[in-house]
Amino acid sequence: MLVFTRKLDQAIVVGDGVEIRIMRIGRDSVRIGVTAAPEVPVHRLEIYEEIRVANALAVAAPGQAHELVSRLQTQRTALTPPHED
């Protein structure tokens, strides 16, 4: 693990174009700002872990995806007005 010491309004750059800046230093926390391109996902660790687990579960249960697609197609058919010829 690389450990940095930064002061208020100082930044760290990761790769090309990801900037992590110290916005506020409080008694029990630090506010950090992240600037990145829109296509670069940026998540808090706990959210990233939830996404990772959800993705793993989705891959592990492919039958459920087929069932979901069928339900969505049925709903779409029910909501679509009949065509007049």
PDB file of N, CA and C in Angstrom:
ATOM      1  N   MET A   1       0.848  -1.180   0.000  1.00  0.00           N
ATOM      2  CA  MET A   1       0.000   0.000   0.000  1.00  0.00           C
ATOM      3  C   MET A   1       0.889   1.236   0.000  1.00  0.00           C
ATOM      4  N   LEU A   2       0.574   2.166  -0.858  1.00  0.00           N
ATOM      5  CA  LEU A   2       1.283   3.442  -0.907  1.00  0.00           C
ATOM      6  C   LEU A   2       0.543   4.415   0.007  1.00  0.00           C
ATOM      7  N   VAL A   3       1.244   5.041   0.916  1.00  0.00           N
ATOM      8  CA  VAL A   3       0.628   5.954   1.883  1.00  0.00           C
ATOM      9  C   VAL A   3       1.139   7.367   1.619  1.00  0.00           C
ATOM     10  N   PHE A   4       0.211   8.321   1.562  1.00  0.00           N
ATOM     11  CA  PHE A   4       0.547   9.722   1.306  1.00  0.00           C
ATOM     12  C   PHE A   4       0.213  10.568   2.520  1.00  0.00           C
ATOM     13  N   THR A   5       0.927  11.637   2.670  1.00  0.00           N
ATOM     14  CA  THR A   5       0.553  12.686   3.606  1.00  0.00           C
ATOM     15  C   THR A   5       0.207  13.901   2.758  1.00  0.00           C
ATOM     16  N   ARG A   6      -0.995  14.419   2.932  1.00  0.00           N
ATOM     17  CA  ARG A   6      -1.463  15.574   2.160  1.00  0.00           C
ATOM     18  C   ARG A   6      -2.065  16.576   3.117  1.00  0.00           C
ATOM     19  N   LYS A   7      -2.020  17.824   2.749  1.00  0.00           N
ATOM     20  CA  LYS A   7      -2.648  18.903   3.512  1.00  0.00           C
ATOM     21  C   LYS A   7      -3.874  19.375   2.746  1.00  0.00           C
ATOM     22  N   LEU A   8      -4.638  20.234   3.406  1.00  0.00           N
ATOM     23  CA  LEU A   8      -5.832  20.790   2.801  1.00  0.00           C
ATOM     24  C   LEU A   8      -5.545  21.361   1.421  1.00  0.00           C
ATOM     25  N   ASP A   9      -6.356  21.018   0.453  1.00  0.00           N
ATOM     26  CA  ASP A   9      -6.311  21.475  -0.935  1.00  0.00           C
ATOM     27  C   ASP A   9      -5.136  20.895  -1.732  1.00  0.00           C
ATOM     28  N   GLN A  10      -4.419  19.932  -1.176  1.00  0.00           N
ATOM     29  CA  GLN A  10      -3.399  19.237  -1.946  1.00  0.00           C
ATOM     30  C   GLN A  10      -4.029  18.015  -2.608  1.00  0.00           C
ATOM     31  N   ALA A  11      -3.386  17.519  -3.670  1.00  0.00           N
ATOM     32  CA  ALA A  11      -3.992  16.449  -4.450  1.00  0.00           C
ATOM     33  C   ALA A  11      -2.998  15.331  -4.735  1.00  0.00           C
ATOM     34  N   ILE A  12      -3.556  14.221  -5.166  1.00  0.00           N
ATOM     35  CA  ILE A  12      -2.825  13.054  -5.650  1.00  0.00           C
ATOM     36  C   ILE A  12      -3.399  12.751  -7.023  1.00  0.00           C
ATOM     37  N   VAL A  13      -2.554  12.377  -7.972  1.00  0.00           N
ATOM     38  CA  VAL A  13      -3.030  12.004  -9.311  1.00  0.00           C
ATOM     39  C   VAL A  13      -2.797  10.516  -9.496  1.00  0.00           C
ATOM     40  N   VAL A  14      -3.828   9.821  -9.960  1.00  0.00           N
ATOM     41  CA  VAL A  14      -3.756   8.382 -10.222  1.00  0.00           C
ATOM     42  C   VAL A  14      -3.907   8.181 -11.723  1.00  0.00           C
ATOM     43  N   GLY A  15      -2.911   7.578 -12.347  1.00  0.00           N
ATOM     44  CA  GLY A  15      -2.973   7.350 -13.786  1.00  0.00           C
ATOM     45  C   GLY A  15      -3.041   8.665 -14.536  1.00  0.00           C
ATOM     46  N   ASP A  16      -3.690   8.627 -15.678  1.00  0.00           N
ATOM     47  CA  ASP A  16      -3.881   9.832 -16.485  1.00  0.00           C
ATOM     48  C   ASP A  16      -5.293  10.352 -16.285  1.00  0.00           C
ATOM     49  N   GLY A  17      -5.451  11.339 -15.441  1.00  0.00           N
ATOM     50  CA  GLY A  17      -6.741  11.998 -15.368  1.00  0.00           C
ATOM     51  C   GLY A  17      -7.582  11.747 -14.142  1.00  0.00           C
ATOM     52  N   VAL A  18      -7.125  10.994 -13.162  1.00  0.00           N
ATOM     53  CA  VAL A  18      -7.884  10.832 -11.926  1.00  0.00           C
ATOM     54  C   VAL A  18      -7.161  11.622 -10.848  1.00  0.00           C
ATOM     55  N   GLU A  19      -7.845  12.622 -10.325  1.00  0.00           N
ATOM     56  CA  GLU A  19      -7.260  13.470  -9.292  1.00  0.00           C
ATOM     57  C   GLU A  19      -8.051  13.301  -8.007  1.00  0.00           C
ATOM     58  N   ILE A  20      -7.328  13.098  -6.905  1.00  0.00           N
ATOM     59  CA  ILE A  20      -7.930  12.976  -5.579  1.00  0.00           C
ATOM     60  C   ILE A  20      -7.426  14.148  -4.759  1.00  0.00           C
ATOM     61  N   ARG A  21      -8.352  15.008  -4.311  1.00  0.00           N
ATOM     62  CA  ARG A  21      -7.984  16.243  -3.620  1.00  0.00           C
ATOM     63  C   ARG A  21      -8.578  16.259  -2.215  1.00  0.00           C
ATOM     64  N   ILE A  22      -7.800  16.742  -1.258  1.00  0.00           N
ATOM     65  CA  ILE A  22      -8.278  16.901   0.117  1.00  0.00           C
ATOM     66  C   ILE A  22      -9.096  18.195   0.174  1.00  0.00           C
ATOM     67  N   MET A  23     -10.374  18.044   0.471  1.00  0.00           N
ATOM     68  CA  MET A  23     -11.288  19.195   0.470  1.00  0.00           C
ATOM     69  C   MET A  23     -11.472  19.798   1.865  1.00  0.00           C
ATOM     70  N   ARG A  24     -11.548  18.913   2.874  1.00  0.00           N
ATOM     71  CA  ARG A  24     -11.758  19.395   4.247  1.00  0.00           C
ATOM     72  C   ARG A  24     -11.201  18.368   5.211  1.00  0.00           C
ATOM     73  N   ILE A  25     -10.600  18.842   6.263  1.00  0.00           N
ATOM     74  CA  ILE A  25     -10.071  17.967   7.303  1.00  0.00           C
ATOM     75  C   ILE A  25     -10.845  18.257   8.580  1.00  0.00           C
ATOM     76  N   GLY A  26     -11.552  17.258   9.076  1.00  0.00           N
ATOM     77  CA  GLY A  26     -12.338  17.416  10.294  1.00  0.00           C
ATOM     78  C   GLY A  26     -11.701  16.659  11.440  1.00  0.00           C
ATOM     79  N   ARG A  27     -12.391  16.634  12.536  1.00  0.00           N
ATOM     80  CA  ARG A  27     -11.862  15.959  13.721  1.00  0.00           C
ATOM     81  C   ARG A  27     -11.782  14.446  13.525  1.00  0.00           C
ATOM     82  N   ASP A  28     -12.841  13.879  12.931  1.00  0.00           N
ATOM     83  CA  ASP A  28     -12.909  12.420  12.771  1.00  0.00           C
ATOM     84  C   ASP A  28     -12.955  11.968  11.317  1.00  0.00           C
ATOM     85  N   SER A  29     -12.871  12.887  10.378  1.00  0.00           N
ATOM     86  CA  SER A  29     -12.987  12.486   8.981  1.00  0.00           C
ATOM     87  C   SER A  29     -12.267  13.464   8.064  1.00  0.00           C
ATOM     88  N   VAL A  30     -12.096  13.028   6.849  1.00  0.00           N
ATOM     89  CA  VAL A  30     -11.489  13.850   5.812  1.00  0.00           C
ATOM     90  C   VAL A  30     -12.445  13.853   4.632  1.00  0.00           C
ATOM     91  N   ARG A  31     -12.727  15.000   4.068  1.00  0.00           N
ATOM     92  CA  ARG A  31     -13.557  15.081   2.871  1.00  0.00           C
ATOM     93  C   ARG A  31     -12.621  15.096   1.669  1.00  0.00           C
ATOM     94  N   ILE A  32     -12.873  14.171   0.744  1.00  0.00           N
ATOM     95  CA  ILE A  32     -12.023  14.003  -0.429  1.00  0.00           C
ATOM     96  C   ILE A  32     -12.851  14.242  -1.678  1.00  0.00           C
ATOM     97  N   GLY A  33     -12.293  14.972  -2.623  1.00  0.00           N
ATOM     98  CA  GLY A  33     -12.931  15.168  -3.917  1.00  0.00           C
ATOM     99  C   GLY A  33     -12.197  14.363  -4.980  1.00  0.00           C
ATOM    100  N   VAL A  34     -12.947  13.707  -5.866  1.00  0.00           N
ATOM    101  CA  VAL A  34     -12.353  12.917  -6.938  1.00  0.00           C
ATOM    102  C   VAL A  34     -12.814  13.487  -8.268  1.00  0.00           C
ATOM    103  N   THR A  35     -11.846  13.793  -9.133  1.00  0.00           N
ATOM    104  CA  THR A  35     -12.144  14.241 -10.481  1.00  0.00           C
ATOM    105  C   THR A  35     -11.686  13.143 -11.434  1.00  0.00           C
ATOM    106  N   ALA A  36     -12.615  12.648 -12.256  1.00  0.00           N
ATOM    107  CA  ALA A  36     -12.293  11.579 -13.205  1.00  0.00           C
ATOM    108  C   ALA A  36     -13.211  11.708 -14.406  1.00  0.00           C
ATOM    109  N   ALA A  37     -12.808  11.119 -15.499  1.00  0.00           N
ATOM    110  CA  ALA A  37     -13.640  11.100 -16.701  1.00  0.00           C
ATOM    111  C   ALA A  37     -14.945  10.359 -16.397  1.00  0.00           C
ATOM    112  N   PRO A  38     -16.026  10.715 -17.084  1.00  0.00           N
ATOM    113  CA  PRO A  38     -17.325  10.077 -16.814  1.00  0.00           C
ATOM    114  C   PRO A  38     -17.307   8.552 -16.969  1.00  0.00           C
ATOM    115  N   GLU A  39     -16.468   8.048 -17.848  1.00  0.00           N
ATOM    116  CA  GLU A  39     -16.451   6.599 -18.063  1.00  0.00           C
ATOM    117  C   GLU A  39     -15.622   5.836 -17.018  1.00  0.00           C
ATOM    118  N   VAL A  40     -15.002   6.559 -16.087  1.00  0.00           N
ATOM    119  CA  VAL A  40     -14.217   5.923 -15.027  1.00  0.00           C
ATOM    120  C   VAL A  40     -15.103   5.788 -13.796  1.00  0.00           C
ATOM    121  N   PRO A  41     -15.438   4.540 -13.405  1.00  0.00           N
ATOM    122  CA  PRO A  41     -16.288   4.377 -12.226  1.00  0.00           C
ATOM    123  C   PRO A  41     -15.520   4.725 -10.947  1.00  0.00           C
ATOM    124  N   VAL A  42     -16.157   5.486 -10.076  1.00  0.00           N
ATOM    125  CA  VAL A  42     -15.570   5.855  -8.786  1.00  0.00           C
ATOM    126  C   VAL A  42     -16.621   5.555  -7.718  1.00  0.00           C
ATOM    127  N   HIS A  43     -16.283   4.674  -6.777  1.00  0.00           N
ATOM    128  CA  HIS A  43     -17.223   4.268  -5.735  1.00  0.00           C
ATOM    129  C   HIS A  43     -16.513   4.233  -4.392  1.00  0.00           C
ATOM    130  N   ARG A  44     -17.276   4.423  -3.325  1.00  0.00           N
ATOM    131  CA  ARG A  44     -16.761   4.118  -1.995  1.00  0.00           C
ATOM    132  C   ARG A  44     -16.580   2.603  -1.928  1.00  0.00           C
ATOM    133  N   LEU A  45     -15.651   2.136  -1.115  1.00  0.00           N
ATOM    134  CA  LEU A  45     -15.337   0.711  -1.049  1.00  0.00           C
ATOM    135  C   LEU A  45     -16.570  -0.143  -0.748  1.00  0.00           C
ATOM    136  N   GLU A  46     -17.400   0.284   0.208  1.00  0.00           N
ATOM    137  CA  GLU A  46     -18.565  -0.530   0.575  1.00  0.00           C
ATOM    138  C   GLU A  46     -19.560  -0.655  -0.579  1.00  0.00           C
ATOM    139  N   ILE A  47     -19.709   0.396  -1.384  1.00  0.00           N
ATOM    140  CA  ILE A  47     -20.589   0.340  -2.552  1.00  0.00           C
ATOM    141  C   ILE A  47     -19.973  -0.556  -3.625  1.00  0.00           C
ATOM    142  N   TYR A  48     -18.677  -0.432  -3.841  1.00  0.00           N
ATOM    143  CA  TYR A  48     -17.978  -1.286  -4.806  1.00  0.00           C
ATOM    144  C   TYR A  48     -18.158  -2.761  -4.456  1.00  0.00           C
ATOM    145  N   GLU A  49     -18.031  -3.093  -3.162  1.00  0.00           N
ATOM    146  CA  GLU A  49     -18.209  -4.483  -2.732  1.00  0.00           C
ATOM    147  C   GLU A  49     -19.629  -4.961  -2.992  1.00  0.00           C
ATOM    148  N   GLU A  50     -20.638  -4.124  -2.752  1.00  0.00           N
ATOM    149  CA  GLU A  50     -22.031  -4.504  -3.027  1.00  0.00           C
ATOM    150  C   GLU A  50     -22.233  -4.776  -4.517  1.00  0.00           C
ATOM    151  N   ILE A  51     -21.670  -3.931  -5.366  1.00  0.00           N
ATOM    152  CA  ILE A  51     -21.776  -4.126  -6.809  1.00  0.00           C
ATOM    153  C   ILE A  51     -21.091  -5.429  -7.215  1.00  0.00           C
ATOM    154  N   ARG A  52     -19.906  -5.691  -6.665  1.00  0.00           N
ATOM    155  CA  ARG A  52     -19.154  -6.899  -6.990  1.00  0.00           C
ATOM    156  C   ARG A  52     -19.938  -8.152  -6.595  1.00  0.00           C
ATOM    157  N   VAL A  53     -20.529  -8.155  -5.409  1.00  0.00           N
ATOM    158  CA  VAL A  53     -21.313  -9.303  -4.951  1.00  0.00           C
ATOM    159  C   VAL A  53     -22.553  -9.479  -5.829  1.00  0.00           C
ATOM    160  N   ALA A  54     -23.242  -8.387  -6.142  1.00  0.00           N
ATOM    161  CA  ALA A  54     -24.431  -8.474  -6.990  1.00  0.00           C
ATOM    162  C   ALA A  54     -24.085  -9.025  -8.368  1.00  0.00           C
ATOM    163  N   ASN A  55     -22.970  -8.590  -8.925  1.00  0.00           N
ATOM    164  CA  ASN A  55     -22.544  -9.102 -10.228  1.00  0.00           C
ATOM    165  C   ASN A  55     -22.215 -10.592 -10.156  1.00  0.00           C
ATOM    166  N   ALA A  56     -21.540 -11.007  -9.089  1.00  0.00           N
ATOM    167  CA  ALA A  56     -21.201 -12.427  -8.921  1.00  0.00           C
ATOM    168  C   ALA A  56     -22.463 -13.270  -8.790  1.00  0.00           C
ATOM    169  N   LEU A  57     -23.450 -12.779  -8.051  1.00  0.00           N
ATOM    170  CA  LEU A  57     -24.710 -13.514  -7.909  1.00  0.00           C
ATOM    171  C   LEU A  57     -25.458 -13.594  -9.231  1.00  0.00           C
ATOM    172  N   ALA A  58     -25.409 -12.529 -10.009  1.00  0.00           N
ATOM    173  CA  ALA A  58     -26.096 -12.520 -11.308  1.00  0.00           C
ATOM    174  C   ALA A  58     -25.480 -13.539 -12.257  1.00  0.00           C
ATOM    175  N   VAL A  59     -24.175 -13.677 -12.212  1.00  0.00           N
ATOM    176  CA  VAL A  59     -23.494 -14.647 -13.073  1.00  0.00           C
ATOM    177  C   VAL A  59     -23.766 -16.068 -12.588  1.00  0.00           C
ATOM    178  N   ALA A  60     -23.859 -16.253 -11.284  1.00  0.00           N
ATOM    179  CA  ALA A  60     -24.061 -17.581 -10.708  1.00  0.00           C
ATOM    180  C   ALA A  60     -25.464 -18.117 -10.955  1.00  0.00           C
ATOM    181  N   ALA A  61     -26.426 -17.254 -11.236  1.00  0.00           N
ATOM    182  CA  ALA A  61     -27.825 -17.673 -11.413  1.00  0.00           C
ATOM    183  C   ALA A  61     -28.343 -17.222 -12.776  1.00  0.00           C
ATOM    184  N   PRO A  62     -27.826 -17.793 -13.881  1.00  0.00           N
ATOM    185  CA  PRO A  62     -28.256 -17.338 -15.208  1.00  0.00           C
ATOM    186  C   PRO A  62     -29.728 -17.611 -15.495  1.00  0.00           C
ATOM    187  N   GLY A  63     -30.308 -18.613 -14.842  1.00  0.00           N
ATOM    188  CA  GLY A  63     -31.730 -18.903 -15.053  1.00  0.00           C
ATOM    189  C   GLY A  63     -32.611 -17.749 -14.616  1.00  0.00           C
ATOM    190  N   GLN A  64     -32.211 -17.052 -13.588  1.00  0.00           N
ATOM    191  CA  GLN A  64     -32.988 -15.917 -13.113  1.00  0.00           C
ATOM    192  C   GLN A  64     -32.982 -14.794 -14.136  1.00  0.00           C
ATOM    193  N   ALA A  65     -31.877 -14.609 -14.846  1.00  0.00           N
ATOM    194  CA  ALA A  65     -31.822 -13.575 -15.880  1.00  0.00           C
ATOM    195  C   ALA A  65     -32.803 -13.904 -16.997  1.00  0.00           C
ATOM    196  N   HIS A  66     -32.873 -15.169 -17.396  1.00  0.00           N
ATOM    197  CA  HIS A  66     -33.816 -15.581 -18.443  1.00  0.00           C
ATOM    198  C   HIS A  66     -35.254 -15.331 -17.991  1.00  0.00           C
ATOM    199  N   GLU A  67     -35.524 -15.649 -16.732  1.00  0.00           N
ATOM    200  CA  GLU A  67     -36.862 -15.418 -16.174  1.00  0.00           C
ATOM    201  C   GLU A  67     -37.200 -13.928 -16.166  1.00  0.00           C
ATOM    202  N   LEU A  68     -36.245 -13.087 -15.802  1.00  0.00           N
ATOM    203  CA  LEU A  68     -36.458 -11.643 -15.781  1.00  0.00           C
ATOM    204  C   LEU A  68     -36.737 -11.107 -17.185  1.00  0.00           C
ATOM    205  N   VAL A  69     -35.984 -11.567 -18.163  1.00  0.00           N
ATOM    206  CA  VAL A  69     -36.203 -11.130 -19.551  1.00  0.00           C
ATOM    207  C   VAL A  69     -37.605 -11.518 -20.000  1.00  0.00           C
ATOM    208  N   SER A  70     -38.026 -12.718 -19.689  1.00  0.00           N
ATOM    209  CA  SER A  70     -39.372 -13.166 -20.062  1.00  0.00           C
ATOM    210  C   SER A  70     -40.445 -12.302 -19.415  1.00  0.00           C
ATOM    211  N   ARG A  71     -40.263 -11.985 -18.120  1.00  0.00           N
ATOM    212  CA  ARG A  71     -41.242 -11.131 -17.427  1.00  0.00           C
ATOM    213  C   ARG A  71     -41.295  -9.742 -18.040  1.00  0.00           C
ATOM    214  N   LEU A  72     -40.131  -9.184 -18.363  1.00  0.00           N
ATOM    215  CA  LEU A  72     -40.105  -7.844 -18.971  1.00  0.00           C
ATOM    216  C   LEU A  72     -40.761  -7.852 -20.344  1.00  0.00           C
ATOM    217  N   GLN A  73     -40.534  -8.901 -21.129  1.00  0.00           N
ATOM    218  CA  GLN A  73     -41.163  -8.991 -22.444  1.00  0.00           C
ATOM    219  C   GLN A  73     -42.674  -9.103 -22.309  1.00  0.00           C
ATOM    220  N   THR A  74     -43.138  -9.859 -21.327  1.00  0.00           N
ATOM    221  CA  THR A  74     -44.572 -10.000 -21.083  1.00  0.00           C
ATOM    222  C   THR A  74     -45.185  -8.661 -20.686  1.00  0.00           C
ATOM    223  N   GLN A  75     -44.496  -7.928 -19.815  1.00  0.00           N
ATOM    224  CA  GLN A  75     -45.002  -6.616 -19.400  1.00  0.00           C
ATOM    225  C   GLN A  75     -45.043  -5.653 -20.574  1.00  0.00           C
ATOM    226  N   ARG A  76     -44.018  -5.678 -21.399  1.00  0.00           N
ATOM    227  CA  ARG A  76     -43.972  -4.778 -22.549  1.00  0.00           C
ATOM    228  C   ARG A  76     -45.109  -5.095 -23.513  1.00  0.00           C
ATOM    229  N   THR A  77     -45.372  -6.371 -23.720  1.00  0.00           N
ATOM    230  CA  THR A  77     -46.462  -6.785 -24.605  1.00  0.00           C
ATOM    231  C   THR A  77     -47.799  -6.314 -24.046  1.00  0.00           C
ATOM    232  N   ALA A  78     -47.977  -6.426 -22.735  1.00  0.00           N
ATOM    233  CA  ALA A  78     -49.228  -6.016 -22.097  1.00  0.00           C
ATOM    234  C   ALA A  78     -49.423  -4.504 -22.177  1.00  0.00           C
ATOM    235  N   LEU A  79     -48.344  -3.733 -22.175  1.00  0.00           N
ATOM    236  CA  LEU A  79     -48.444  -2.274 -22.198  1.00  0.00           C
ATOM    237  C   LEU A  79     -48.523  -1.702 -23.613  1.00  0.00           C
ATOM    238  N   THR A  80     -48.148  -2.484 -24.608  1.00  0.00           N
ATOM    239  CA  THR A  80     -48.133  -2.009 -25.987  1.00  0.00           C
ATOM    240  C   THR A  80     -49.528  -2.089 -26.569  1.00  0.00           C
ATOM    241  N   PRO A  81     -50.081  -0.970 -27.081  1.00  0.00           N
ATOM    242  CA  PRO A  81     -51.414  -1.020 -27.684  1.00  0.00           C
ATOM    243  C   PRO A  81     -51.369  -1.854 -28.977  1.00  0.00           C
ATOM    244  N   PRO A  82     -52.486  -2.525 -29.283  1.00  0.00           N
ATOM    245  CA  PRO A  82     -52.502  -3.329 -30.504  1.00  0.00           C
ATOM    246  C   PRO A  82     -52.361  -2.461 -31.750  1.00  0.00           C
ATOM    247  N   HIS A  83     -51.733  -3.017 -32.796  1.00  0.00           N
ATOM    248  CA  HIS A  83     -51.573  -2.296 -34.060  1.00  0.00           C
ATOM    249  C   HIS A  83     -52.850  -2.371 -34.865  1.00  0.00           C
ATOM    250  N   GLU A  84     -53.191  -1.271 -35.468  1.00  0.00           N
ATOM    251  CA  GLU A  84     -54.357  -1.260 -36.349  1.00  0.00           C
ATOM    252  C   GLU A  84     -53.877  -1.355 -37.780  1.00  0.00           C
ATOM    253  N   ASP A  85     -54.433  -2.303 -38.555  1.00  0.00           N
ATOM    254  CA  ASP A  85     -54.037  -2.474 -39.956  1.00  0.00           C
ATOM    255  C   ASP A  85     -55.044  -1.846 -40.887  1.00  0.00           C
TER     256      ASP A  85
END
